[in-house]
Amino acid sequence: MDMVRCGRILEIIGSEGLVEAADQQGAYLLDRLQDLHARFPDRVTNVRGQGLLCAFDLPDPDTRARFAADCVAARVLVVGCGPRSIRLRPHLNISAPEIDHGLEAMAATLKKMV
């Protein structure tokens, strides 16, 4: 049963062009994260990513914890990684407006964290 389900999932990923979409939207996400770094260079550092798997660092674990909690309160899911990194792993069919919404919420959170 698992093999059949996995095969069907791979068919959907291929037929809907989700790998190509992930590459395109991942480049857009990474570009927007670089913009976030430019706006908050003292807080957002080491922006990196491959496809839709992106991450950046915050100054310390406490800042990261506050940032993650505030993002979740704003209905934007982020994942902590290591002592001060934030990882982003959006779904394969994420749209540019959804990316913009998430990054706007992150910017608002960073603005509050003076």
PDB file of N, CA and C in Angstrom:
ATOM      1  N   MET A   1       0.814  -1.180   0.000  1.00  0.00           N
ATOM      2  CA  MET A   1       0.000   0.000   0.000  1.00  0.00           C
ATOM      3  C   MET A   1       0.872   1.264   0.000  1.00  0.00           C
ATOM      4  N   ASP A   2       1.916   1.259   0.812  1.00  0.00           N
ATOM      5  CA  ASP A   2       2.807   2.427   0.861  1.00  0.00           C
ATOM      6  C   ASP A   2       3.480   2.672  -0.487  1.00  0.00           C
ATOM      7  N   MET A   3       3.854   1.606  -1.177  1.00  0.00           N
ATOM      8  CA  MET A   3       4.505   1.755  -2.485  1.00  0.00           C
ATOM      9  C   MET A   3       3.547   2.389  -3.494  1.00  0.00           C
ATOM     10  N   VAL A   4       2.299   1.983  -3.446  1.00  0.00           N
ATOM     11  CA  VAL A   4       1.292   2.537  -4.359  1.00  0.00           C
ATOM     12  C   VAL A   4       1.084   4.012  -4.058  1.00  0.00           C
ATOM     13  N   ARG A   5       0.936   4.333  -2.780  1.00  0.00           N
ATOM     14  CA  ARG A   5       0.742   5.726  -2.376  1.00  0.00           C
ATOM     15  C   ARG A   5       1.941   6.572  -2.787  1.00  0.00           C
ATOM     16  N   CYS A   6       3.133   6.101  -2.542  1.00  0.00           N
ATOM     17  CA  CYS A   6       4.352   6.831  -2.910  1.00  0.00           C
ATOM     18  C   CYS A   6       4.417   7.039  -4.418  1.00  0.00           C
ATOM     19  N   GLY A   7       4.087   6.001  -5.167  1.00  0.00           N
ATOM     20  CA  GLY A   7       4.080   6.119  -6.630  1.00  0.00           C
ATOM     21  C   GLY A   7       3.098   7.172  -7.099  1.00  0.00           C
ATOM     22  N   ARG A   8       1.938   7.206  -6.476  1.00  0.00           N
ATOM     23  CA  ARG A   8       0.917   8.205  -6.859  1.00  0.00           C
ATOM     24  C   ARG A   8       1.385   9.616  -6.511  1.00  0.00           C
ATOM     25  N   ILE A   9       2.001   9.767  -5.372  1.00  0.00           N
ATOM     26  CA  ILE A   9       2.529  11.085  -4.967  1.00  0.00           C
ATOM     27  C   ILE A   9       3.573  11.553  -5.968  1.00  0.00           C
ATOM     28  N   LEU A  10       4.462  10.670  -6.367  1.00  0.00           N
ATOM     29  CA  LEU A  10       5.482  11.046  -7.350  1.00  0.00           C
ATOM     30  C   LEU A  10       4.856  11.412  -8.698  1.00  0.00           C
ATOM     31  N   GLU A  11       3.783  10.702  -9.081  1.00  0.00           N
ATOM     32  CA  GLU A  11       3.068  11.049 -10.316  1.00  0.00           C
ATOM     33  C   GLU A  11       2.502  12.466 -10.238  1.00  0.00           C
ATOM     34  N   ILE A  12       1.903  12.801  -9.115  1.00  0.00           N
ATOM     35  CA  ILE A  12       1.316  14.141  -8.934  1.00  0.00           C
ATOM     36  C   ILE A  12       2.410  15.203  -8.959  1.00  0.00           C
ATOM     37  N   ILE A  13       3.503  14.954  -8.281  1.00  0.00           N
ATOM     38  CA  ILE A  13       4.617  15.913  -8.272  1.00  0.00           C
ATOM     39  C   ILE A  13       5.089  16.162  -9.700  1.00  0.00           C
ATOM     40  N   GLY A  14       5.204  15.114 -10.490  1.00  0.00           N
ATOM     41  CA  GLY A  14       5.641  15.268 -11.875  1.00  0.00           C
ATOM     42  C   GLY A  14       4.610  15.940 -12.758  1.00  0.00           C
ATOM     43  N   SER A  15       3.365  15.506 -12.664  1.00  0.00           N
ATOM     44  CA  SER A  15       2.330  16.048 -13.553  1.00  0.00           C
ATOM     45  C   SER A  15       1.998  17.501 -13.259  1.00  0.00           C
ATOM     46  N   GLU A  16       2.167  17.925 -12.021  1.00  0.00           N
ATOM     47  CA  GLU A  16       1.864  19.309 -11.668  1.00  0.00           C
ATOM     48  C   GLU A  16       3.101  20.209 -11.722  1.00  0.00           C
ATOM     49  N   GLY A  17       4.241  19.643 -12.113  1.00  0.00           N
ATOM     50  CA  GLY A  17       5.459  20.445 -12.246  1.00  0.00           C
ATOM     51  C   GLY A  17       5.941  21.031 -10.934  1.00  0.00           C
ATOM     52  N   LEU A  18       5.759  20.293  -9.851  1.00  0.00           N
ATOM     53  CA  LEU A  18       6.085  20.837  -8.534  1.00  0.00           C
ATOM     54  C   LEU A  18       7.581  20.978  -8.287  1.00  0.00           C
ATOM     55  N   VAL A  19       8.402  20.173  -8.918  1.00  0.00           N
ATOM     56  CA  VAL A  19       9.856  20.318  -8.748  1.00  0.00           C
ATOM     57  C   VAL A  19      10.316  21.627  -9.372  1.00  0.00           C
ATOM     58  N   GLU A  20       9.843  21.905 -10.578  1.00  0.00           N
ATOM     59  CA  GLU A  20      10.198  23.159 -11.252  1.00  0.00           C
ATOM     60  C   GLU A  20       9.644  24.356 -10.484  1.00  0.00           C
ATOM     61  N   ALA A  21       8.409  24.222  -9.991  1.00  0.00           N
ATOM     62  CA  ALA A  21       7.800  25.307  -9.212  1.00  0.00           C
ATOM     63  C   ALA A  21       8.585  25.555  -7.929  1.00  0.00           C
ATOM     64  N   ALA A  22       9.035  24.484  -7.290  1.00  0.00           N
ATOM     65  CA  ALA A  22       9.814  24.635  -6.062  1.00  0.00           C
ATOM     66  C   ALA A  22      11.120  25.364  -6.340  1.00  0.00           C
ATOM     67  N   ASP A  23      11.736  25.072  -7.470  1.00  0.00           N
ATOM     68  CA  ASP A  23      12.971  25.759  -7.837  1.00  0.00           C
ATOM     69  C   ASP A  23      12.708  27.253  -8.048  1.00  0.00           C
ATOM     70  N   GLN A  24      11.662  27.564  -8.780  1.00  0.00           N
ATOM     71  CA  GLN A  24      11.330  28.964  -9.078  1.00  0.00           C
ATOM     72  C   GLN A  24      10.911  29.717  -7.809  1.00  0.00           C
ATOM     73  N   GLN A  25      10.010  29.148  -7.041  1.00  0.00           N
ATOM     74  CA  GLN A  25       9.553  29.826  -5.830  1.00  0.00           C
ATOM     75  C   GLN A  25      10.652  29.858  -4.772  1.00  0.00           C
ATOM     76  N   GLY A  26      11.520  28.855  -4.766  1.00  0.00           N
ATOM     77  CA  GLY A  26      12.651  28.864  -3.836  1.00  0.00           C
ATOM     78  C   GLY A  26      13.598  30.013  -4.125  1.00  0.00           C
ATOM     79  N   ALA A  27      13.849  30.286  -5.401  1.00  0.00           N
ATOM     80  CA  ALA A  27      14.697  31.429  -5.768  1.00  0.00           C
ATOM     81  C   ALA A  27      14.040  32.732  -5.327  1.00  0.00           C
ATOM     82  N   TYR A  28      12.713  32.807  -5.490  1.00  0.00           N
ATOM     83  CA  TYR A  28      11.980  33.997  -5.054  1.00  0.00           C
ATOM     84  C   TYR A  28      12.060  34.152  -3.535  1.00  0.00           C
ATOM     85  N   LEU A  29      11.868  33.057  -2.803  1.00  0.00           N
ATOM     86  CA  LEU A  29      11.953  33.082  -1.344  1.00  0.00           C
ATOM     87  C   LEU A  29      13.333  33.517  -0.893  1.00  0.00           C
ATOM     88  N   LEU A  30      14.372  32.961  -1.487  1.00  0.00           N
ATOM     89  CA  LEU A  30      15.734  33.321  -1.111  1.00  0.00           C
ATOM     90  C   LEU A  30      16.008  34.799  -1.385  1.00  0.00           C
ATOM     91  N   ASP A  31      15.524  35.297  -2.512  1.00  0.00           N
ATOM     92  CA  ASP A  31      15.671  36.719  -2.834  1.00  0.00           C
ATOM     93  C   ASP A  31      14.967  37.588  -1.793  1.00  0.00           C
ATOM     94  N   ARG A  32      13.769  37.202  -1.409  1.00  0.00           N
ATOM     95  CA  ARG A  32      13.032  37.968  -0.386  1.00  0.00           C
ATOM     96  C   ARG A  32      13.715  37.886   0.972  1.00  0.00           C
ATOM     97  N   LEU A  33      14.330  36.745   1.291  1.00  0.00           N
ATOM     98  CA  LEU A  33      15.082  36.645   2.545  1.00  0.00           C
ATOM     99  C   LEU A  33      16.311  37.550   2.522  1.00  0.00           C
ATOM    100  N   GLN A  34      16.941  37.674   1.357  1.00  0.00           N
ATOM    101  CA  GLN A  34      18.071  38.617   1.227  1.00  0.00           C
ATOM    102  C   GLN A  34      17.588  40.043   1.467  1.00  0.00           C
ATOM    103  N   ASP A  35      16.385  40.371   0.987  1.00  0.00           N
ATOM    104  CA  ASP A  35      15.795  41.685   1.264  1.00  0.00           C
ATOM    105  C   ASP A  35      15.581  41.872   2.762  1.00  0.00           C
ATOM    106  N   LEU A  36      15.129  40.821   3.445  1.00  0.00           N
ATOM    107  CA  LEU A  36      14.934  40.884   4.892  1.00  0.00           C
ATOM    108  C   LEU A  36      16.266  41.146   5.592  1.00  0.00           C
ATOM    109  N   HIS A  37      17.320  40.497   5.126  1.00  0.00           N
ATOM    110  CA  HIS A  37      18.659  40.737   5.668  1.00  0.00           C
ATOM    111  C   HIS A  37      19.077  42.195   5.444  1.00  0.00           C
ATOM    112  N   ALA A  38      18.790  42.729   4.262  1.00  0.00           N
ATOM    113  CA  ALA A  38      19.148  44.118   3.960  1.00  0.00           C
ATOM    114  C   ALA A  38      18.402  45.089   4.881  1.00  0.00           C
ATOM    115  N   ARG A  39      17.180  44.771   5.234  1.00  0.00           N
ATOM    116  CA  ARG A  39      16.388  45.635   6.120  1.00  0.00           C
ATOM    117  C   ARG A  39      16.795  45.494   7.579  1.00  0.00           C
ATOM    118  N   PHE A  40      17.243  44.311   7.977  1.00  0.00           N
ATOM    119  CA  PHE A  40      17.579  44.028   9.378  1.00  0.00           C
ATOM    120  C   PHE A  40      18.951  43.348   9.467  1.00  0.00           C
ATOM    121  N   PRO A  41      20.013  44.012   8.995  1.00  0.00           N
ATOM    122  CA  PRO A  41      21.323  43.342   8.936  1.00  0.00           C
ATOM    123  C   PRO A  41      21.905  43.005  10.310  1.00  0.00           C
ATOM    124  N   ASP A  42      21.444  43.681  11.341  1.00  0.00           N
ATOM    125  CA  ASP A  42      21.949  43.390  12.678  1.00  0.00           C
ATOM    126  C   ASP A  42      21.261  42.178  13.300  1.00  0.00           C
ATOM    127  N   ARG A  43      20.145  41.742  12.724  1.00  0.00           N
ATOM    128  CA  ARG A  43      19.407  40.606  13.275  1.00  0.00           C
ATOM    129  C   ARG A  43      19.370  39.400  12.352  1.00  0.00           C
ATOM    130  N   VAL A  44      19.202  39.607  11.067  1.00  0.00           N
ATOM    131  CA  VAL A  44      19.094  38.504  10.101  1.00  0.00           C
ATOM    132  C   VAL A  44      20.430  38.354   9.382  1.00  0.00           C
ATOM    133  N   THR A  45      21.077  37.206   9.563  1.00  0.00           N
ATOM    134  CA  THR A  45      22.376  36.958   8.939  1.00  0.00           C
ATOM    135  C   THR A  45      22.398  35.568   8.324  1.00  0.00           C
ATOM    136  N   ASN A  46      23.430  35.307   7.549  1.00  0.00           N
ATOM    137  CA  ASN A  46      23.694  33.985   6.981  1.00  0.00           C
ATOM    138  C   ASN A  46      22.476  33.402   6.257  1.00  0.00           C
ATOM    139  N   VAL A  47      21.867  34.204   5.401  1.00  0.00           N
ATOM    140  CA  VAL A  47      20.728  33.730   4.604  1.00  0.00           C
ATOM    141  C   VAL A  47      21.240  32.698   3.607  1.00  0.00           C
ATOM    142  N   ARG A  48      20.538  31.564   3.542  1.00  0.00           N
ATOM    143  CA  ARG A  48      20.981  30.496   2.657  1.00  0.00           C
ATOM    144  C   ARG A  48      19.779  29.657   2.237  1.00  0.00           C
ATOM    145  N   GLY A  49      19.967  28.896   1.166  1.00  0.00           N
ATOM    146  CA  GLY A  49      18.880  28.033   0.747  1.00  0.00           C
ATOM    147  C   GLY A  49      19.176  27.278  -0.517  1.00  0.00           C
ATOM    148  N   GLN A  50      18.397  26.246  -0.728  1.00  0.00           N
ATOM    149  CA  GLN A  50      18.441  25.424  -1.936  1.00  0.00           C
ATOM    150  C   GLN A  50      17.000  25.028  -2.216  1.00  0.00           C
ATOM    151  N   GLY A  51      16.478  25.470  -3.362  1.00  0.00           N
ATOM    152  CA  GLY A  51      15.068  25.240  -3.633  1.00  0.00           C
ATOM    153  C   GLY A  51      14.233  25.917  -2.572  1.00  0.00           C
ATOM    154  N   LEU A  52      13.227  25.234  -2.081  1.00  0.00           N
ATOM    155  CA  LEU A  52      12.363  25.816  -1.051  1.00  0.00           C
ATOM    156  C   LEU A  52      12.888  25.618   0.374  1.00  0.00           C
ATOM    157  N   LEU A  53      13.999  24.941   0.529  1.00  0.00           N
ATOM    158  CA  LEU A  53      14.578  24.760   1.856  1.00  0.00           C
ATOM    159  C   LEU A  53      15.517  25.923   2.126  1.00  0.00           C
ATOM    160  N   CYS A  54      15.067  26.861   2.945  1.00  0.00           N
ATOM    161  CA  CYS A  54      15.844  28.076   3.218  1.00  0.00           C
ATOM    162  C   CYS A  54      16.015  28.246   4.717  1.00  0.00           C
ATOM    163  N   ALA A  55      17.015  29.042   5.087  1.00  0.00           N
ATOM    164  CA  ALA A  55      17.281  29.297   6.502  1.00  0.00           C
ATOM    165  C   ALA A  55      18.020  30.619   6.646  1.00  0.00           C
ATOM    166  N   PHE A  56      18.014  31.114   7.866  1.00  0.00           N
ATOM    167  CA  PHE A  56      18.808  32.281   8.220  1.00  0.00           C
ATOM    168  C   PHE A  56      19.081  32.227   9.712  1.00  0.00           C
ATOM    169  N   ASP A  57      20.041  33.022  10.151  1.00  0.00           N
ATOM    170  CA  ASP A  57      20.410  33.050  11.561  1.00  0.00           C
ATOM    171  C   ASP A  57      19.918  34.328  12.213  1.00  0.00           C
ATOM    172  N   LEU A  58      19.635  34.213  13.511  1.00  0.00           N
ATOM    173  CA  LEU A  58      19.326  35.356  14.358  1.00  0.00           C
ATOM    174  C   LEU A  58      20.447  35.470  15.386  1.00  0.00           C
ATOM    175  N   PRO A  59      20.530  36.584  16.104  1.00  0.00           N
ATOM    176  CA  PRO A  59      21.710  36.808  16.954  1.00  0.00           C
ATOM    177  C   PRO A  59      21.964  35.781  18.050  1.00  0.00           C
ATOM    178  N   ASP A  60      20.916  35.232  18.668  1.00  0.00           N
ATOM    179  CA  ASP A  60      21.119  34.331  19.799  1.00  0.00           C
ATOM    180  C   ASP A  60      19.873  33.459  19.998  1.00  0.00           C
ATOM    181  N   PRO A  61      19.978  32.444  20.857  1.00  0.00           N
ATOM    182  CA  PRO A  61      18.837  31.540  21.068  1.00  0.00           C
ATOM    183  C   PRO A  61      17.582  32.235  21.602  1.00  0.00           C
ATOM    184  N   ASP A  62      17.743  33.218  22.485  1.00  0.00           N
ATOM    185  CA  ASP A  62      16.572  33.913  23.026  1.00  0.00           C
ATOM    186  C   ASP A  62      15.842  34.704  21.945  1.00  0.00           C
ATOM    187  N   THR A  63      16.585  35.378  21.095  1.00  0.00           N
ATOM    188  CA  THR A  63      15.971  36.119  19.992  1.00  0.00           C
ATOM    189  C   THR A  63      15.254  35.154  19.062  1.00  0.00           C
ATOM    190  N   ARG A  64      15.887  34.030  18.764  1.00  0.00           N
ATOM    191  CA  ARG A  64      15.273  33.033  17.904  1.00  0.00           C
ATOM    192  C   ARG A  64      13.971  32.508  18.497  1.00  0.00           C
ATOM    193  N   ALA A  65      13.971  32.236  19.789  1.00  0.00           N
ATOM    194  CA  ALA A  65      12.770  31.719  20.452  1.00  0.00           C
ATOM    195  C   ALA A  65      11.633  32.743  20.412  1.00  0.00           C
ATOM    196  N   ARG A  66      11.949  34.010  20.691  1.00  0.00           N
ATOM    197  CA  ARG A  66      10.921  35.065  20.639  1.00  0.00           C
ATOM    198  C   ARG A  66      10.400  35.244  19.216  1.00  0.00           C
ATOM    199  N   PHE A  67      11.317  35.228  18.247  1.00  0.00           N
ATOM    200  CA  PHE A  67      10.937  35.391  16.848  1.00  0.00           C
ATOM    201  C   PHE A  67      10.000  34.261  16.417  1.00  0.00           C
ATOM    202  N   ALA A  68      10.366  33.034  16.723  1.00  0.00           N
ATOM    203  CA  ALA A  68       9.546  31.884  16.328  1.00  0.00           C
ATOM    204  C   ALA A  68       8.168  31.949  16.973  1.00  0.00           C
ATOM    205  N   ALA A  69       8.106  32.289  18.241  1.00  0.00           N
ATOM    206  CA  ALA A  69       6.813  32.389  18.933  1.00  0.00           C
ATOM    207  C   ALA A  69       5.947  33.486  18.323  1.00  0.00           C
ATOM    208  N   ASP A  70       6.534  34.631  18.017  1.00  0.00           N
ATOM    209  CA  ASP A  70       5.778  35.728  17.414  1.00  0.00           C
ATOM    210  C   ASP A  70       5.308  35.371  16.002  1.00  0.00           C
ATOM    211  N   CYS A  71       6.124  34.650  15.258  1.00  0.00           N
ATOM    212  CA  CYS A  71       5.713  34.227  13.918  1.00  0.00           C
ATOM    213  C   CYS A  71       4.533  33.272  13.997  1.00  0.00           C
ATOM    214  N   VAL A  72       4.592  32.319  14.904  1.00  0.00           N
ATOM    215  CA  VAL A  72       3.488  31.373  15.062  1.00  0.00           C
ATOM    216  C   VAL A  72       2.217  32.120  15.473  1.00  0.00           C
ATOM    217  N   ALA A  73       2.350  33.106  16.362  1.00  0.00           N
ATOM    218  CA  ALA A  73       1.189  33.911  16.759  1.00  0.00           C
ATOM    219  C   ALA A  73       0.604  34.657  15.565  1.00  0.00           C
ATOM    220  N   ALA A  74       1.459  35.009  14.594  1.00  0.00           N
ATOM    221  CA  ALA A  74       1.007  35.682  13.371  1.00  0.00           C
ATOM    222  C   ALA A  74       0.574  34.671  12.305  1.00  0.00           C
ATOM    223  N   ARG A  75       0.498  33.393  12.683  1.00  0.00           N
ATOM    224  CA  ARG A  75       0.069  32.302  11.800  1.00  0.00           C
ATOM    225  C   ARG A  75       1.056  32.028  10.664  1.00  0.00           C
ATOM    226  N   VAL A  76       2.351  32.193  10.978  1.00  0.00           N
ATOM    227  CA  VAL A  76       3.428  31.853  10.044  1.00  0.00           C
ATOM    228  C   VAL A  76       4.296  30.815  10.746  1.00  0.00           C
ATOM    229  N   LEU A  77       4.346  29.623  10.183  1.00  0.00           N
ATOM    230  CA  LEU A  77       5.079  28.529  10.809  1.00  0.00           C
ATOM    231  C   LEU A  77       6.540  28.569  10.394  1.00  0.00           C
ATOM    232  N   VAL A  78       7.421  28.656  11.373  1.00  0.00           N
ATOM    233  CA  VAL A  78       8.864  28.585  11.153  1.00  0.00           C
ATOM    234  C   VAL A  78       9.403  27.496  12.074  1.00  0.00           C
ATOM    235  N   VAL A  79      10.562  26.974  11.738  1.00  0.00           N
ATOM    236  CA  VAL A  79      11.158  25.884  12.502  1.00  0.00           C
ATOM    237  C   VAL A  79      12.542  26.310  12.961  1.00  0.00           C
ATOM    238  N   GLY A  80      12.815  26.144  14.249  1.00  0.00           N
ATOM    239  CA  GLY A  80      14.141  26.415  14.759  1.00  0.00           C
ATOM    240  C   GLY A  80      15.095  25.293  14.390  1.00  0.00           C
ATOM    241  N   CYS A  81      16.369  25.642  14.279  1.00  0.00           N
ATOM    242  CA  CYS A  81      17.393  24.660  13.941  1.00  0.00           C
ATOM    243  C   CYS A  81      18.690  25.110  14.599  1.00  0.00           C
ATOM    244  N   GLY A  82      19.345  24.229  15.305  1.00  0.00           N
ATOM    245  CA  GLY A  82      20.569  24.632  15.990  1.00  0.00           C
ATOM    246  C   GLY A  82      20.259  25.696  17.022  1.00  0.00           C
ATOM    247  N   PRO A  83      21.280  26.388  17.502  1.00  0.00           N
ATOM    248  CA  PRO A  83      21.044  27.352  18.572  1.00  0.00           C
ATOM    249  C   PRO A  83      20.386  28.665  18.130  1.00  0.00           C
ATOM    250  N   ARG A  84      20.519  29.054  16.840  1.00  0.00           N
ATOM    251  CA  ARG A  84      19.979  30.360  16.472  1.00  0.00           C
ATOM    252  C   ARG A  84      19.446  30.470  15.048  1.00  0.00           C
ATOM    253  N   SER A  85      19.271  29.365  14.391  1.00  0.00           N
ATOM    254  CA  SER A  85      18.789  29.388  13.007  1.00  0.00           C
ATOM    255  C   SER A  85      17.280  29.204  12.933  1.00  0.00           C
ATOM    256  N   ILE A  86      16.716  29.769  11.884  1.00  0.00           N
ATOM    257  CA  ILE A  86      15.313  29.577  11.520  1.00  0.00           C
ATOM    258  C   ILE A  86      15.300  28.892  10.166  1.00  0.00           C
ATOM    259  N   ARG A  87      14.557  27.805  10.064  1.00  0.00           N
ATOM    260  CA  ARG A  87      14.414  27.088   8.791  1.00  0.00           C
ATOM    261  C   ARG A  87      13.022  27.326   8.246  1.00  0.00           C
ATOM    262  N   LEU A  88      12.941  27.374   6.933  1.00  0.00           N
ATOM    263  CA  LEU A  88      11.662  27.489   6.245  1.00  0.00           C
ATOM    264  C   LEU A  88      11.546  26.303   5.300  1.00  0.00           C
ATOM    265  N   ARG A  89      10.435  25.596   5.388  1.00  0.00           N
ATOM    266  CA  ARG A  89      10.186  24.440   4.521  1.00  0.00           C
ATOM    267  C   ARG A  89       8.751  24.501   4.017  1.00  0.00           C
ATOM    268  N   PRO A  90       8.446  25.448   3.162  1.00  0.00           N
ATOM    269  CA  PRO A  90       7.058  25.567   2.698  1.00  0.00           C
ATOM    270  C   PRO A  90       6.656  24.411   1.788  1.00  0.00           C
ATOM    271  N   HIS A  91       5.365  24.279   1.596  1.00  0.00           N
ATOM    272  CA  HIS A  91       4.846  23.218   0.732  1.00  0.00           C
ATOM    273  C   HIS A  91       5.268  23.454  -0.717  1.00  0.00           C
ATOM    274  N   LEU A  92       5.297  22.400  -1.496  1.00  0.00           N
ATOM    275  CA  LEU A  92       5.823  22.471  -2.864  1.00  0.00           C
ATOM    276  C   LEU A  92       5.023  23.371  -3.791  1.00  0.00           C
ATOM    277  N   ASN A  93       3.767  23.605  -3.501  1.00  0.00           N
ATOM    278  CA  ASN A  93       2.962  24.442  -4.394  1.00  0.00           C
ATOM    279  C   ASN A  93       2.683  25.824  -3.803  1.00  0.00           C
ATOM    280  N   ILE A  94       3.597  26.329  -2.995  1.00  0.00           N
ATOM    281  CA  ILE A  94       3.443  27.657  -2.408  1.00  0.00           C
ATOM    282  C   ILE A  94       3.483  28.715  -3.515  1.00  0.00           C
ATOM    283  N   SER A  95       2.724  29.779  -3.325  1.00  0.00           N
ATOM    284  CA  SER A  95       2.668  30.859  -4.310  1.00  0.00           C
ATOM    285  C   SER A  95       3.469  32.064  -3.838  1.00  0.00           C
ATOM    286  N   ALA A  96       3.800  32.942  -4.767  1.00  0.00           N
ATOM    287  CA  ALA A  96       4.525  34.166  -4.416  1.00  0.00           C
ATOM    288  C   ALA A  96       3.737  35.007  -3.407  1.00  0.00           C
ATOM    289  N   PRO A  97       2.413  35.180  -3.550  1.00  0.00           N
ATOM    290  CA  PRO A  97       1.682  35.937  -2.529  1.00  0.00           C
ATOM    291  C   PRO A  97       1.756  35.294  -1.134  1.00  0.00           C
ATOM    292  N   GLU A  98       1.795  33.971  -1.077  1.00  0.00           N
ATOM    293  CA  GLU A  98       1.934  33.309   0.227  1.00  0.00           C
ATOM    294  C   GLU A  98       3.320  33.563   0.806  1.00  0.00           C
ATOM    295  N   ILE A  99       4.338  33.530  -0.028  1.00  0.00           N
ATOM    296  CA  ILE A  99       5.696  33.855   0.424  1.00  0.00           C
ATOM    297  C   ILE A  99       5.734  35.293   0.928  1.00  0.00           C
ATOM    298  N   ASP A 100       5.143  36.202   0.170  1.00  0.00           N
ATOM    299  CA  ASP A 100       5.114  37.615   0.574  1.00  0.00           C
ATOM    300  C   ASP A 100       4.420  37.786   1.922  1.00  0.00           C
ATOM    301  N   HIS A 101       3.308  37.100   2.112  1.00  0.00           N
ATOM    302  CA  HIS A 101       2.578  37.189   3.383  1.00  0.00           C
ATOM    303  C   HIS A 101       3.481  36.759   4.553  1.00  0.00           C
ATOM    304  N   GLY A 102       4.161  35.633   4.381  1.00  0.00           N
ATOM    305  CA  GLY A 102       5.038  35.147   5.435  1.00  0.00           C
ATOM    306  C   GLY A 102       6.190  36.089   5.722  1.00  0.00           C
ATOM    307  N   LEU A 103       6.793  36.619   4.673  1.00  0.00           N
ATOM    308  CA  LEU A 103       7.929  37.529   4.862  1.00  0.00           C
ATOM    309  C   LEU A 103       7.490  38.865   5.460  1.00  0.00           C
ATOM    310  N   GLU A 104       6.292  39.326   5.127  1.00  0.00           N
ATOM    311  CA  GLU A 104       5.776  40.552   5.742  1.00  0.00           C
ATOM    312  C   GLU A 104       5.545  40.349   7.233  1.00  0.00           C
ATOM    313  N   ALA A 105       5.019  39.186   7.612  1.00  0.00           N
ATOM    314  CA  ALA A 105       4.825  38.876   9.030  1.00  0.00           C
ATOM    315  C   ALA A 105       6.168  38.783   9.751  1.00  0.00           C
ATOM    316  N   MET A 106       7.172  38.183   9.095  1.00  0.00           N
ATOM    317  CA  MET A 106       8.502  38.101   9.697  1.00  0.00           C
ATOM    318  C   MET A 106       9.108  39.486   9.866  1.00  0.00           C
ATOM    319  N   ALA A 107       8.945  40.346   8.872  1.00  0.00           N
ATOM    320  CA  ALA A 107       9.472  41.713   8.971  1.00  0.00           C
ATOM    321  C   ALA A 107       8.788  42.464  10.103  1.00  0.00           C
ATOM    322  N   ALA A 108       7.485  42.312  10.250  1.00  0.00           N
ATOM    323  CA  ALA A 108       6.767  42.978  11.335  1.00  0.00           C
ATOM    324  C   ALA A 108       7.255  42.478  12.685  1.00  0.00           C
ATOM    325  N   THR A 109       7.511  41.183  12.770  1.00  0.00           N
ATOM    326  CA  THR A 109       8.037  40.610  14.017  1.00  0.00           C
ATOM    327  C   THR A 109       9.418  41.173  14.318  1.00  0.00           C
ATOM    328  N   LEU A 110      10.288  41.243  13.323  1.00  0.00           N
ATOM    329  CA  LEU A 110      11.634  41.782  13.528  1.00  0.00           C
ATOM    330  C   LEU A 110      11.589  43.250  13.912  1.00  0.00           C
ATOM    331  N   LYS A 111      10.663  43.987  13.340  1.00  0.00           N
ATOM    332  CA  LYS A 111      10.532  45.415  13.639  1.00  0.00           C
ATOM    333  C   LYS A 111      10.160  45.619  15.112  1.00  0.00           C
ATOM    334  N   LYS A 112       9.322  44.728  15.645  1.00  0.00           N
ATOM    335  CA  LYS A 112       8.913  44.813  17.057  1.00  0.00           C
ATOM    336  C   LYS A 112      10.058  44.470  18.001  1.00  0.00           C
ATOM    337  N   MET A 113      11.035  43.727  17.525  1.00  0.00           N
ATOM    338  CA  MET A 113      12.088  43.191  18.387  1.00  0.00           C
ATOM    339  C   MET A 113      13.294  44.125  18.479  1.00  0.00           C
ATOM    340  N   VAL A 114      13.068  45.369  18.659  1.00  0.00           N
ATOM    341  CA  VAL A 114      14.177  46.338  18.725  1.00  0.00           C
ATOM    342  C   VAL A 114      14.966  46.181  19.989  1.00  0.00           C
TER     343      VAL A 114
END
